[in-house]
Amino acid sequence: MARLGTEERRRKGRLKLPRVVRVRPSEPGLTDFDEILPTQNAALDSVYFVSKNRRYKEGLRVFITFPYSDVPGSINQESLGKVVRIDELDHGRRGIAVQILMPLYLGAKDTLR
């Protein structure tokens, strides 16, 4: 059910099974943090999680690893994301919606000719 006064913009279904996400700012000196949290829901191009971190702001660009695993040998693909919505929840918690903009391939060889 969509919230009153807001338009439903989702184009893809949501996975409501919690997965782990790692989030850190793309400009560490500006708002330095590194969080590993469970998601509330996710899609191919977005994640939603709850945090008490007050440093999230709409428009903040973040590095996001989804899904994230700390098991040795895991392949954790990091992407660039942007905070698109913040919901103020109870007990100082905030719901953070991040749009995944593009994967980061640091150190990868260029295969296009």
Protein backbone atom coordinates (compact mmCIF):
# COMPACT_ATOMS: atom_id res chain seq x y z
CA MET A 1 0.00 0.00 0.00
CA ALA A 2 1.44 3.39 -0.99
CA ARG A 3 1.62 6.15 1.57
CA LEU A 4 -0.94 8.91 1.24
CA GLY A 5 0.29 11.87 -0.75
CA THR A 6 3.20 9.98 -2.30
CA GLU A 7 3.49 8.37 -5.67
CA GLU A 8 4.69 4.77 -5.91
CA ARG A 9 7.91 4.92 -7.92
CA ARG A 10 9.11 1.34 -7.60
CA ARG A 11 9.52 -0.44 -10.90
CA LYS A 12 10.82 -3.71 -9.45
CA GLY A 13 9.70 -5.99 -6.65
CA ARG A 14 11.27 -5.88 -3.20
CA LEU A 15 13.04 -8.72 -1.42
CA LYS A 16 11.93 -8.53 2.22
CA LEU A 17 14.36 -11.22 3.40
CA PRO A 18 17.08 -9.48 5.45
CA ARG A 19 20.52 -9.47 3.80
CA VAL A 20 23.65 -7.77 5.05
CA VAL A 21 24.84 -4.49 3.54
CA ARG A 22 28.02 -2.49 4.15
CA VAL A 23 27.77 1.28 3.75
CA ARG A 24 30.45 3.97 3.95
CA PRO A 25 30.65 7.50 2.56
CA SER A 26 32.41 8.06 -0.75
CA GLU A 27 34.11 11.13 0.79
CA PRO A 28 35.46 9.80 4.13
CA GLY A 29 36.81 13.12 5.43
CA LEU A 30 33.39 14.71 5.09
CA THR A 31 31.29 12.24 7.12
CA ASP A 32 33.45 9.29 8.13
CA PHE A 33 31.60 6.08 9.08
CA ASP A 34 31.53 2.42 8.10
CA GLU A 35 28.39 0.41 8.92
CA ILE A 36 27.43 -3.22 8.41
CA LEU A 37 23.66 -3.61 8.81
CA PRO A 38 20.78 -5.90 7.85
CA THR A 39 18.46 -4.66 5.13
CA GLN A 40 14.73 -4.25 5.67
CA ASN A 41 14.12 -4.77 1.97
CA ALA A 42 16.06 -4.61 -1.28
CA ALA A 43 15.75 -4.66 -5.06
CA LEU A 44 18.34 -4.95 -7.80
CA ASP A 45 18.96 -1.20 -7.79
CA SER A 46 18.21 -0.15 -4.20
CA VAL A 47 18.37 -1.10 -0.53
CA TYR A 48 16.55 0.07 2.58
CA PHE A 49 18.03 -0.31 6.05
CA VAL A 50 17.65 1.15 9.54
CA SER A 51 20.44 3.03 11.33
CA LYS A 52 20.85 5.38 14.29
CA ASN A 53 23.65 7.16 12.42
CA ARG A 54 22.73 10.86 12.07
CA ARG A 55 25.32 11.50 9.33
CA TYR A 56 23.13 10.24 6.50
CA LYS A 57 21.68 13.09 4.44
CA GLU A 58 19.59 13.00 1.28
CA GLY A 59 21.90 13.24 -1.71
CA LEU A 60 24.91 11.78 0.17
CA ARG A 61 26.94 9.51 -2.10
CA VAL A 62 28.04 6.26 -0.50
CA PHE A 63 29.99 3.13 -1.32
CA ILE A 64 27.65 0.20 -0.82
CA THR A 65 28.44 -3.49 -0.78
CA PHE A 66 25.33 -5.60 -1.24
CA PRO A 67 25.09 -8.35 -0.35
CA TYR A 68 28.05 -8.20 2.05
CA SER A 69 29.85 -11.13 3.68
CA ASP A 70 32.86 -11.18 6.00
CA VAL A 71 33.59 -14.84 5.19
CA PRO A 72 37.16 -15.16 3.82
CA GLY A 73 37.16 -15.51 0.05
CA SER A 74 33.73 -13.89 -0.40
CA ILE A 75 33.30 -11.75 -3.48
CA ASN A 76 31.95 -8.44 -2.21
CA GLN A 77 31.02 -6.19 -5.13
CA GLU A 78 31.10 -2.53 -4.13
CA SER A 79 28.91 0.00 -5.91
CA LEU A 80 28.35 3.73 -5.83
CA GLY A 81 25.02 4.69 -4.32
CA LYS A 82 23.06 7.77 -3.31
CA VAL A 83 20.80 8.32 -0.29
CA VAL A 84 17.41 9.14 -1.81
CA ARG A 85 15.14 9.09 1.25
CA ILE A 86 15.36 9.18 5.03
CA ASP A 87 12.43 8.14 7.21
CA GLU A 88 12.47 9.29 10.85
CA LEU A 89 11.46 6.28 12.95
CA ASP A 90 11.06 5.70 16.70
CA HIS A 91 13.84 5.53 19.32
CA GLY A 92 16.29 7.62 17.26
CA ARG A 93 16.28 5.19 14.38
CA ARG A 94 16.16 6.28 10.75
CA GLY A 95 15.13 4.35 7.66
CA ILE A 96 17.68 4.94 4.89
CA ALA A 97 16.84 4.31 1.24
CA VAL A 98 19.85 4.08 -1.07
CA GLN A 99 19.68 3.94 -4.85
CA ILE A 100 22.49 1.85 -6.33
CA LEU A 101 23.90 3.93 -9.19
CA MET A 102 26.70 1.81 -10.64
CA PRO A 103 29.13 -0.97 -9.73
CA LEU A 104 32.75 -0.04 -9.08
CA TYR A 105 35.40 -2.07 -10.85
CA LEU A 106 38.55 -0.81 -9.22
CA GLY A 107 41.69 -2.33 -10.69
CA ALA A 108 39.84 -4.26 -13.38
CA LYS A 109 41.33 -4.55 -16.84
CA ASP A 110 39.57 -2.84 -19.70
CA THR A 111 38.19 -5.55 -21.97
CA LEU A 112 36.63 -3.28 -24.61
CA ARG A 113 38.66 -2.52 -27.73
